[in-house]
Structure formats: C-alpha cells, structure tokens
Amino acid sequence: VRSQQVARRNAMVSCTALAERRRELAEVEEFLSAH
C-alpha cells in the first residue's frame, strides 16, 4: 500500500513538472513568433 502511494505521488509530481515545461515551451514559442 505504501509503495503504491509513493509511486502515485511520484507520478503526480512528474506530471506537474512536465505540464510546467510544456507551458513554458508554449510561452517561449509564442514570444518568438510574436517577435
């Protein structure tokens, strides 16, 4: 049970980090396009 909880938490942290990177990439692409 504890192992599954830790794995789920790690997956959520990873998803959050990836979403943040995707958002930053989209912002950079938008800025460069506008520039």
Full PDB file with SEQRES, HELIX, SHEET, SSBOND, CRYST1, ORIGX, SCALE, CONECT and MASTER records, all heavy atoms in Angstrom:
SEQRES   1 A   35  VAL ARG SER GLN GLN VAL ALA ARG ARG ASN ALA MET VAL          
SEQRES   2 A   35  SER CYS THR ALA LEU ALA GLU ARG ARG ARG GLU LEU ALA          
SEQRES   3 A   35  GLU VAL GLU GLU PHE LEU SER ALA HIS                          
HELIX    1 AA1 ARG A    2  ALA A   34  1                                  33    
CRYST1    1.000    1.000    1.000  90.00  90.00  90.00 P 1           1          
ORIGX1      1.000000  0.000000  0.000000        0.00000                         
ORIGX2      0.000000  1.000000  0.000000        0.00000                         
ORIGX3      0.000000  0.000000  1.000000        0.00000                         
SCALE1      1.000000  0.000000  0.000000        0.00000                         
SCALE2      0.000000  1.000000  0.000000        0.00000                         
SCALE3      0.000000  0.000000  1.000000        0.00000                         
ATOM      1  N   VAL A   1       0.846  -1.196   0.000  1.00  0.00           N  
ATOM      2  CA  VAL A   1       0.000   0.000   0.000  1.00  0.00           C  
ATOM      3  C   VAL A   1       0.883   1.248   0.000  1.00  0.00           C  
ATOM      4  O   VAL A   1       0.680   2.169  -0.787  1.00  0.00           O  
ATOM      5  CB  VAL A   1      -0.954  -0.001   1.220  1.00  0.00           C  
ATOM      6  CG1 VAL A   1      -1.733   1.298   1.304  1.00  0.00           C  
ATOM      7  CG2 VAL A   1      -1.882  -1.196   1.164  1.00  0.00           C  
ATOM      8  N   ARG A   2       1.863   1.253   0.864  1.00  0.00           N  
ATOM      9  CA  ARG A   2       2.782   2.402   0.945  1.00  0.00           C  
ATOM     10  C   ARG A   2       3.555   2.562  -0.357  1.00  0.00           C  
ATOM     11  O   ARG A   2       3.745   3.676  -0.845  1.00  0.00           O  
ATOM     12  CB  ARG A   2       3.742   2.198   2.130  1.00  0.00           C  
ATOM     13  CG  ARG A   2       4.728   3.311   2.294  1.00  0.00           C  
ATOM     14  CD  ARG A   2       4.066   4.557   2.832  1.00  0.00           C  
ATOM     15  NE  ARG A   2       5.094   5.571   3.006  1.00  0.00           N  
ATOM     16  CZ  ARG A   2       4.956   6.817   2.594  1.00  0.00           C  
ATOM     17  NH1 ARG A   2       3.847   7.217   2.036  1.00  0.00           N  
ATOM     18  NH2 ARG A   2       5.924   7.673   2.766  1.00  0.00           N  
ATOM     19  N   SER A   3       3.976   1.464  -0.937  1.00  0.00           N  
ATOM     20  CA  SER A   3       4.706   1.510  -2.196  1.00  0.00           C  
ATOM     21  C   SER A   3       3.843   2.128  -3.295  1.00  0.00           C  
ATOM     22  O   SER A   3       4.310   2.950  -4.096  1.00  0.00           O  
ATOM     23  CB  SER A   3       5.149   0.102  -2.590  1.00  0.00           C  
ATOM     24  OG  SER A   3       5.772   0.121  -3.840  1.00  0.00           O  
ATOM     25  N   GLN A   4       2.585   1.737  -3.352  1.00  0.00           N  
ATOM     26  CA  GLN A   4       1.664   2.285  -4.355  1.00  0.00           C  
ATOM     27  C   GLN A   4       1.428   3.777  -4.120  1.00  0.00           C  
ATOM     28  O   GLN A   4       1.383   4.556  -5.067  1.00  0.00           O  
ATOM     29  CB  GLN A   4       0.324   1.532  -4.299  1.00  0.00           C  
ATOM     30  CG  GLN A   4      -0.716   2.034  -5.261  1.00  0.00           C  
ATOM     31  CD  GLN A   4      -0.350   1.804  -6.709  1.00  0.00           C  
ATOM     32  OE1 GLN A   4       0.445   0.938  -7.033  1.00  0.00           O  
ATOM     33  NE2 GLN A   4      -0.921   2.595  -7.589  1.00  0.00           N  
ATOM     34  N   GLN A   5       1.305   4.183  -2.884  1.00  0.00           N  
ATOM     35  CA  GLN A   5       1.102   5.599  -2.577  1.00  0.00           C  
ATOM     36  C   GLN A   5       2.309   6.436  -3.014  1.00  0.00           C  
ATOM     37  O   GLN A   5       2.156   7.514  -3.583  1.00  0.00           O  
ATOM     38  CB  GLN A   5       0.846   5.783  -1.081  1.00  0.00           C  
ATOM     39  CG  GLN A   5      -0.508   5.267  -0.633  1.00  0.00           C  
ATOM     40  CD  GLN A   5      -0.651   5.262   0.880  1.00  0.00           C  
ATOM     41  OE1 GLN A   5       0.334   5.313   1.617  1.00  0.00           O  
ATOM     42  NE2 GLN A   5      -1.901   5.196   1.349  1.00  0.00           N  
ATOM     43  N   VAL A   6       3.495   5.925  -2.757  1.00  0.00           N  
ATOM     44  CA  VAL A   6       4.713   6.643  -3.148  1.00  0.00           C  
ATOM     45  C   VAL A   6       4.806   6.717  -4.670  1.00  0.00           C  
ATOM     46  O   VAL A   6       5.153   7.762  -5.231  1.00  0.00           O  
ATOM     47  CB  VAL A   6       5.961   5.964  -2.541  1.00  0.00           C  
ATOM     48  CG1 VAL A   6       7.237   6.546  -3.125  1.00  0.00           C  
ATOM     49  CG2 VAL A   6       5.957   6.117  -1.027  1.00  0.00           C  
ATOM     50  N   ALA A   7       4.484   5.624  -5.349  1.00  0.00           N  
ATOM     51  CA  ALA A   7       4.524   5.617  -6.811  1.00  0.00           C  
ATOM     52  C   ALA A   7       3.523   6.615  -7.397  1.00  0.00           C  
ATOM     53  O   ALA A   7       3.833   7.330  -8.354  1.00  0.00           O  
ATOM     54  CB  ALA A   7       4.240   4.211  -7.331  1.00  0.00           C  
ATOM     55  N   ARG A   8       2.327   6.686  -6.821  1.00  0.00           N  
ATOM     56  CA  ARG A   8       1.321   7.646  -7.289  1.00  0.00           C  
ATOM     57  C   ARG A   8       1.788   9.076  -7.073  1.00  0.00           C  
ATOM     58  O   ARG A   8       1.620   9.936  -7.944  1.00  0.00           O  
ATOM     59  CB  ARG A   8       0.001   7.427  -6.550  1.00  0.00           C  
ATOM     60  CG  ARG A   8      -0.932   6.488  -7.243  1.00  0.00           C  
ATOM     61  CD  ARG A   8      -2.350   6.617  -6.700  1.00  0.00           C  
ATOM     62  NE  ARG A   8      -2.386   6.951  -5.296  1.00  0.00           N  
ATOM     63  CZ  ARG A   8      -3.108   6.315  -4.385  1.00  0.00           C  
ATOM     64  NH1 ARG A   8      -3.848   5.294  -4.725  1.00  0.00           N  
ATOM     65  NH2 ARG A   8      -3.093   6.689  -3.139  1.00  0.00           N  
ATOM     66  N   ARG A   9       2.374   9.329  -5.921  1.00  0.00           N  
ATOM     67  CA  ARG A   9       2.872  10.673  -5.638  1.00  0.00           C  
ATOM     68  C   ARG A   9       3.969  11.056  -6.623  1.00  0.00           C  
ATOM     69  O   ARG A   9       3.982  12.162  -7.158  1.00  0.00           O  
ATOM     70  CB  ARG A   9       3.418  10.751  -4.211  1.00  0.00           C  
ATOM     71  CG  ARG A   9       3.902  12.142  -3.874  1.00  0.00           C  
ATOM     72  CD  ARG A   9       4.696  12.166  -2.558  1.00  0.00           C  
ATOM     73  NE  ARG A   9       5.302  13.446  -2.347  1.00  0.00           N  
ATOM     74  CZ  ARG A   9       6.423  13.861  -2.934  1.00  0.00           C  
ATOM     75  NH1 ARG A   9       7.057  13.095  -3.777  1.00  0.00           N  
ATOM     76  NH2 ARG A   9       6.920  15.062  -2.678  1.00  0.00           N  
ATOM     77  N   ASN A  10       4.883  10.142  -6.892  1.00  0.00           N  
ATOM     78  CA  ASN A  10       5.952  10.409  -7.853  1.00  0.00           C  
ATOM     79  C   ASN A  10       5.382  10.698  -9.241  1.00  0.00           C  
ATOM     80  O   ASN A  10       5.868  11.585  -9.947  1.00  0.00           O  
ATOM     81  CB  ASN A  10       6.927   9.236  -7.918  1.00  0.00           C  
ATOM     82  CG  ASN A  10       7.773   9.131  -6.676  1.00  0.00           C  
ATOM     83  OD1 ASN A  10       7.880  10.061  -5.897  1.00  0.00           O  
ATOM     84  ND2 ASN A  10       8.388   7.970  -6.488  1.00  0.00           N  
ATOM     85  N   ALA A  11       4.360   9.955  -9.634  1.00  0.00           N  
ATOM     86  CA  ALA A  11       3.736  10.174 -10.937  1.00  0.00           C  
ATOM     87  C   ALA A  11       3.071  11.552 -10.998  1.00  0.00           C  
ATOM     88  O   ALA A  11       3.166  12.249 -12.013  1.00  0.00           O  
ATOM     89  CB  ALA A  11       2.720   9.076 -11.224  1.00  0.00           C  
ATOM     90  N   MET A  12       2.406  11.958  -9.926  1.00  0.00           N  
ATOM     91  CA  MET A  12       1.762  13.279  -9.908  1.00  0.00           C  
ATOM     92  C   MET A  12       2.796  14.398  -9.976  1.00  0.00           C  
ATOM     93  O   MET A  12       2.601  15.389 -10.688  1.00  0.00           O  
ATOM     94  CB  MET A  12       0.889  13.430  -8.669  1.00  0.00           C  
ATOM     95  CG  MET A  12      -0.384  12.615  -8.733  1.00  0.00           C  
ATOM     96  SD  MET A  12      -1.546  12.976  -7.398  1.00  0.00           S  
ATOM     97  CE  MET A  12      -0.687  12.302  -5.988  1.00  0.00           C  
ATOM     98  N   VAL A  13       3.892  14.242  -9.256  1.00  0.00           N  
ATOM     99  CA  VAL A  13       4.954  15.249  -9.288  1.00  0.00           C  
ATOM    100  C   VAL A  13       5.542  15.337 -10.693  1.00  0.00           C  
ATOM    101  O   VAL A  13       5.774  16.434 -11.219  1.00  0.00           O  
ATOM    102  CB  VAL A  13       6.044  14.924  -8.236  1.00  0.00           C  
ATOM    103  CG1 VAL A  13       7.277  15.786  -8.433  1.00  0.00           C  
ATOM    104  CG2 VAL A  13       5.488  15.100  -6.838  1.00  0.00           C  
ATOM    105  N   SER A  14       5.755  14.194 -11.326  1.00  0.00           N  
ATOM    106  CA  SER A  14       6.294  14.174 -12.683  1.00  0.00           C  
ATOM    107  C   SER A  14       5.345  14.830 -13.670  1.00  0.00           C  
ATOM    108  O   SER A  14       5.765  15.602 -14.535  1.00  0.00           O  
ATOM    109  CB  SER A  14       6.576  12.739 -13.127  1.00  0.00           C  
ATOM    110  OG  SER A  14       7.563  12.157 -12.314  1.00  0.00           O  
ATOM    111  N   CYS A  15       4.069  14.526 -13.554  1.00  0.00           N  
ATOM    112  CA  CYS A  15       3.068  15.139 -14.447  1.00  0.00           C  
ATOM    113  C   CYS A  15       3.023  16.650 -14.274  1.00  0.00           C  
ATOM    114  O   CYS A  15       2.915  17.389 -15.255  1.00  0.00           O  
ATOM    115  CB  CYS A  15       1.691  14.543 -14.194  1.00  0.00           C  
ATOM    116  SG  CYS A  15       1.501  12.882 -14.842  1.00  0.00           S  
ATOM    117  N   THR A  16       3.120  17.097 -13.057  1.00  0.00           N  
ATOM    118  CA  THR A  16       3.117  18.533 -12.786  1.00  0.00           C  
ATOM    119  C   THR A  16       4.340  19.194 -13.412  1.00  0.00           C  
ATOM    120  O   THR A  16       4.237  20.251 -14.041  1.00  0.00           O  
ATOM    121  CB  THR A  16       3.080  18.802 -11.272  1.00  0.00           C  
ATOM    122  OG1 THR A  16       1.916  18.168 -10.733  1.00  0.00           O  
ATOM    123  CG2 THR A  16       3.065  20.281 -10.966  1.00  0.00           C  
ATOM    124  N   ALA A  17       5.500  18.574 -13.261  1.00  0.00           N  
ATOM    125  CA  ALA A  17       6.729  19.131 -13.833  1.00  0.00           C  
ATOM    126  C   ALA A  17       6.648  19.161 -15.359  1.00  0.00           C  
ATOM    127  O   ALA A  17       7.048  20.153 -15.988  1.00  0.00           O  
ATOM    128  CB  ALA A  17       7.936  18.311 -13.376  1.00  0.00           C  
ATOM    129  N   LEU A  18       6.135  18.101 -15.962  1.00  0.00           N  
ATOM    130  CA  LEU A  18       6.015  18.065 -17.417  1.00  0.00           C  
ATOM    131  C   LEU A  18       5.019  19.104 -17.916  1.00  0.00           C  
ATOM    132  O   LEU A  18       5.250  19.756 -18.945  1.00  0.00           O  
ATOM    133  CB  LEU A  18       5.603  16.670 -17.884  1.00  0.00           C  
ATOM    134  CG  LEU A  18       6.682  15.598 -17.769  1.00  0.00           C  
ATOM    135  CD1 LEU A  18       6.101  14.228 -18.112  1.00  0.00           C  
ATOM    136  CD2 LEU A  18       7.853  15.924 -18.664  1.00  0.00           C  
ATOM    137  N   ALA A  19       3.923  19.286 -17.221  1.00  0.00           N  
ATOM    138  CA  ALA A  19       2.941  20.296 -17.619  1.00  0.00           C  
ATOM    139  C   ALA A  19       3.550  21.693 -17.545  1.00  0.00           C  
ATOM    140  O   ALA A  19       3.312  22.533 -18.425  1.00  0.00           O  
ATOM    141  CB  ALA A  19       1.703  20.199 -16.733  1.00  0.00           C  
ATOM    142  N   GLU A  20       4.342  21.949 -16.522  1.00  0.00           N  
ATOM    143  CA  GLU A  20       5.016  23.240 -16.381  1.00  0.00           C  
ATOM    144  C   GLU A  20       5.988  23.463 -17.531  1.00  0.00           C  
ATOM    145  O   GLU A  20       6.050  24.547 -18.104  1.00  0.00           O  
ATOM    146  CB  GLU A  20       5.752  23.303 -15.037  1.00  0.00           C  
ATOM    147  CG  GLU A  20       6.511  24.582 -14.803  1.00  0.00           C  
ATOM    148  CD  GLU A  20       5.635  25.810 -14.663  1.00  0.00           C  
ATOM    149  OE1 GLU A  20       4.441  25.672 -14.374  1.00  0.00           O  
ATOM    150  OE2 GLU A  20       6.155  26.919 -14.856  1.00  0.00           O  
ATOM    151  N   ARG A  21       6.742  22.440 -17.888  1.00  0.00           N  
ATOM    152  CA  ARG A  21       7.675  22.569 -19.012  1.00  0.00           C  
ATOM    153  C   ARG A  21       6.938  22.812 -20.325  1.00  0.00           C  
ATOM    154  O   ARG A  21       7.373  23.609 -21.150  1.00  0.00           O  
ATOM    155  CB  ARG A  21       8.543  21.323 -19.137  1.00  0.00           C  
ATOM    156  CG  ARG A  21       9.584  21.244 -18.059  1.00  0.00           C  
ATOM    157  CD  ARG A  21      10.496  20.073 -18.281  1.00  0.00           C  
ATOM    158  NE  ARG A  21      11.447  19.967 -17.198  1.00  0.00           N  
ATOM    159  CZ  ARG A  21      12.447  19.122 -17.188  1.00  0.00           C  
ATOM    160  NH1 ARG A  21      12.625  18.288 -18.190  1.00  0.00           N  
ATOM    161  NH2 ARG A  21      13.273  19.086 -16.170  1.00  0.00           N  
ATOM    162  N   ARG A  22       5.820  22.109 -20.523  1.00  0.00           N  
ATOM    163  CA  ARG A  22       5.029  22.335 -21.741  1.00  0.00           C  
ATOM    164  C   ARG A  22       4.491  23.758 -21.790  1.00  0.00           C  
ATOM    165  O   ARG A  22       4.484  24.399 -22.837  1.00  0.00           O  
ATOM    166  CB  ARG A  22       3.867  21.344 -21.812  1.00  0.00           C  
ATOM    167  CG  ARG A  22       4.265  20.031 -22.411  1.00  0.00           C  
ATOM    168  CD  ARG A  22       3.016  19.194 -22.708  1.00  0.00           C  
ATOM    169  NE  ARG A  22       3.210  17.897 -22.079  1.00  0.00           N  
ATOM    170  CZ  ARG A  22       2.581  17.459 -21.006  1.00  0.00           C  
ATOM    171  NH1 ARG A  22       1.657  18.178 -20.432  1.00  0.00           N  
ATOM    172  NH2 ARG A  22       2.847  16.280 -20.511  1.00  0.00           N  
ATOM    173  N   ARG A  23       4.044  24.266 -20.645  1.00  0.00           N  
ATOM    174  CA  ARG A  23       3.534  25.639 -20.588  1.00  0.00           C  
ATOM    175  C   ARG A  23       4.641  26.643 -20.907  1.00  0.00           C  
ATOM    176  O   ARG A  23       4.443  27.577 -21.679  1.00  0.00           O  
ATOM    177  CB  ARG A  23       2.950  25.926 -19.206  1.00  0.00           C  
ATOM    178  CG  ARG A  23       2.242  27.278 -19.108  1.00  0.00           C  
ATOM    179  CD  ARG A  23       1.803  27.581 -17.689  1.00  0.00           C  
ATOM    180  NE  ARG A  23       2.922  27.691 -16.760  1.00  0.00           N  
ATOM    181  CZ  ARG A  23       3.742  28.759 -16.678  1.00  0.00           C  
ATOM    182  NH1 ARG A  23       3.566  29.789 -17.463  1.00  0.00           N  
ATOM    183  NH2 ARG A  23       4.728  28.786 -15.805  1.00  0.00           N  
ATOM    184  N   GLU A  24       5.818  26.427 -20.334  1.00  0.00           N  
ATOM    185  CA  GLU A  24       6.941  27.320 -20.603  1.00  0.00           C  
ATOM    186  C   GLU A  24       7.337  27.266 -22.070  1.00  0.00           C  
ATOM    187  O   GLU A  24       7.640  28.299 -22.676  1.00  0.00           O  
ATOM    188  CB  GLU A  24       8.130  26.948 -19.719  1.00  0.00           C  
ATOM    189  CG  GLU A  24       7.940  27.308 -18.258  1.00  0.00           C  
ATOM    190  CD  GLU A  24       9.087  26.848 -17.382  1.00  0.00           C  
ATOM    191  OE1 GLU A  24      10.037  26.220 -17.909  1.00  0.00           O  
ATOM    192  OE2 GLU A  24       9.039  27.097 -16.173  1.00  0.00           O  
ATOM    193  N   LEU A  25       7.356  26.081 -22.651  1.00  0.00           N  
ATOM    194  CA  LEU A  25       7.692  25.935 -24.061  1.00  0.00           C  
ATOM    195  C   LEU A  25       6.693  26.676 -24.933  1.00  0.00           C  
ATOM    196  O   LEU A  25       7.076  27.373 -25.893  1.00  0.00           O  
ATOM    197  CB  LEU A  25       7.730  24.447 -24.448  1.00  0.00           C  
ATOM    198  CG  LEU A  25       8.042  24.148 -25.910  1.00  0.00           C  
ATOM    199  CD1 LEU A  25       9.425  24.657 -26.296  1.00  0.00           C  
ATOM    200  CD2 LEU A  25       7.932  22.658 -26.171  1.00  0.00           C  
ATOM    201  N   ALA A  26       5.418  26.570 -24.607  1.00  0.00           N  
ATOM    202  CA  ALA A  26       4.387  27.276 -25.369  1.00  0.00           C  
ATOM    203  C   ALA A  26       4.575  28.793 -25.250  1.00  0.00           C  
ATOM    204  O   ALA A  26       4.429  29.520 -26.243  1.00  0.00           O  
ATOM    205  CB  ALA A  26       3.000  26.870 -24.881  1.00  0.00           C  
ATOM    206  N   GLU A  27       4.923  29.271 -24.060  1.00  0.00           N  
ATOM    207  CA  GLU A  27       5.158  30.705 -23.875  1.00  0.00           C  
ATOM    208  C   GLU A  27       6.349  31.180 -24.698  1.00  0.00           C  
ATOM    209  O   GLU A  27       6.300  32.246 -25.320  1.00  0.00           O  
ATOM    210  CB  GLU A  27       5.397  31.024 -22.403  1.00  0.00           C  
ATOM    211  CG  GLU A  27       4.159  31.002 -21.544  1.00  0.00           C  
ATOM    212  CD  GLU A  27       4.469  31.329 -20.089  1.00  0.00           C  
ATOM    213  OE1 GLU A  27       5.639  31.581 -19.744  1.00  0.00           O  
ATOM    214  OE2 GLU A  27       3.516  31.317 -19.284  1.00  0.00           O  
ATOM    215  N   VAL A  28       7.412  30.404 -24.714  1.00  0.00           N  
ATOM    216  CA  VAL A  28       8.604  30.778 -25.485  1.00  0.00           C  
ATOM    217  C   VAL A  28       8.284  30.786 -26.974  1.00  0.00           C  
ATOM    218  O   VAL A  28       8.662  31.712 -27.700  1.00  0.00           O  
ATOM    219  CB  VAL A  28       9.781  29.824 -25.164  1.00  0.00           C  
ATOM    220  CG1 VAL A  28      10.926  30.027 -26.142  1.00  0.00           C  
ATOM    221  CG2 VAL A  28      10.258  30.034 -23.740  1.00  0.00           C  
ATOM    222  N   GLU A  29       7.574  29.761 -27.448  1.00  0.00           N  
ATOM    223  CA  GLU A  29       7.205  29.721 -28.856  1.00  0.00           C  
ATOM    224  C   GLU A  29       6.319  30.907 -29.230  1.00  0.00           C  
ATOM    225  O   GLU A  29       6.485  31.507 -30.291  1.00  0.00           O  
ATOM    226  CB  GLU A  29       6.502  28.411 -29.177  1.00  0.00           C  
ATOM    227  CG  GLU A  29       7.434  27.229 -29.195  1.00  0.00           C  
ATOM    228  CD  GLU A  29       6.713  25.912 -29.436  1.00  0.00           C  
ATOM    229  OE1 GLU A  29       5.460  25.891 -29.420  1.00  0.00           O  
ATOM    230  OE2 GLU A  29       7.402  24.905 -29.644  1.00  0.00           O  
ATOM    231  N   GLU A  30       5.380  31.254 -28.356  1.00  0.00           N  
ATOM    232  CA  GLU A  30       4.505  32.400 -28.610  1.00  0.00           C  
ATOM    233  C   GLU A  30       5.312  33.691 -28.664  1.00  0.00           C  
ATOM    234  O   GLU A  30       5.106  34.525 -29.550  1.00  0.00           O  
ATOM    235  CB  GLU A  30       3.447  32.478 -27.515  1.00  0.00           C  
ATOM    236  CG  GLU A  30       2.443  33.588 -27.697  1.00  0.00           C  
ATOM    237  CD  GLU A  30       1.433  33.628 -26.562  1.00  0.00           C  
ATOM    238  OE1 GLU A  30       1.064  32.557 -26.052  1.00  0.00           O  
ATOM    239  OE2 GLU A  30       1.021  34.739 -26.200  1.00  0.00           O  
ATOM    240  N   PHE A  31       6.241  33.861 -27.727  1.00  0.00           N  
ATOM    241  CA  PHE A  31       7.077  35.062 -27.705  1.00  0.00           C  
ATOM    242  C   PHE A  31       7.921  35.160 -28.971  1.00  0.00           C  
ATOM    243  O   PHE A  31       7.990  36.221 -29.602  1.00  0.00           O  
ATOM    244  CB  PHE A  31       7.989  35.060 -26.472  1.00  0.00           C  
ATOM    245  CG  PHE A  31       9.020  36.153 -26.502  1.00  0.00           C  
ATOM    246  CD1 PHE A  31       8.668  37.454 -26.167  1.00  0.00           C  
ATOM    247  CD2 PHE A  31      10.323  35.882 -26.883  1.00  0.00           C  
ATOM    248  CE1 PHE A  31       9.618  38.460 -26.201  1.00  0.00           C  
ATOM    249  CE2 PHE A  31      11.271  36.884 -26.922  1.00  0.00           C  
ATOM    250  CZ  PHE A  31      10.919  38.184 -26.589  1.00  0.00           C  
ATOM    251  N   LEU A  32       8.570  34.064 -29.346  1.00  0.00           N  
ATOM    252  CA  LEU A  32       9.422  34.091 -30.530  1.00  0.00           C  
ATOM    253  C   LEU A  32       8.605  34.343 -31.797  1.00  0.00           C  
ATOM    254  O   LEU A  32       9.054  35.054 -32.704  1.00  0.00           O  
ATOM    255  CB  LEU A  32      10.207  32.786 -30.650  1.00  0.00           C  
ATOM    256  CG  LEU A  32      11.288  32.573 -29.581  1.00  0.00           C  
ATOM    257  CD1 LEU A  32      11.935  31.212 -29.747  1.00  0.00           C  
ATOM    258  CD2 LEU A  32      12.320  33.678 -29.629  1.00  0.00           C  
ATOM    259  N   SER A  33       7.424  33.781 -31.863  1.00  0.00           N  
ATOM    260  CA  SER A  33       6.547  34.006 -33.010  1.00  0.00           C  
ATOM    261  C   SER A  33       6.149  35.478 -33.103  1.00  0.00           C  
ATOM    262  O   SER A  33       6.194  36.079 -34.181  1.00  0.00           O  
ATOM    263  CB  SER A  33       5.316  33.122 -32.895  1.00  0.00           C  
ATOM    264  OG  SER A  33       4.397  33.424 -33.904  1.00  0.00           O  
ATOM    265  N   ALA A  34       5.764  36.063 -31.976  1.00  0.00           N  
ATOM    266  CA  ALA A  34       5.389  37.474 -31.959  1.00  0.00           C  
ATOM    267  C   ALA A  34       6.586  38.361 -32.299  1.00  0.00           C  
ATOM    268  O   ALA A  34       6.455  39.345 -33.035  1.00  0.00           O  
ATOM    269  CB  ALA A  34       4.819  37.845 -30.594  1.00  0.00           C  
ATOM    270  N   HIS A  35       7.745  38.004 -31.794  1.00  0.00           N  
ATOM    271  CA  HIS A  35       8.959  38.771 -32.073  1.00  0.00           C  
ATOM    272  C   HIS A  35       9.298  38.709 -33.554  1.00  0.00           C  
ATOM    273  O   HIS A  35       9.635  39.734 -34.158  1.00  0.00           O  
ATOM    274  CB  HIS A  35      10.117  38.245 -31.220  1.00  0.00           C  
ATOM    275  CG  HIS A  35      11.395  38.977 -31.436  1.00  0.00           C  
ATOM    276  ND1 HIS A  35      11.578  40.280 -31.018  1.00  0.00           N  
ATOM    277  CD2 HIS A  35      12.550  38.607 -32.043  1.00  0.00           C  
ATOM    278  CE1 HIS A  35      12.798  40.666 -31.347  1.00  0.00           C  
ATOM    279  NE2 HIS A  35      13.406  39.670 -31.970  1.00  0.00           N  
TER     280      HIS A  35                                                      
MASTER        0    0    0    1    0    0    0    6  279    1    0    3          
END                                                                             
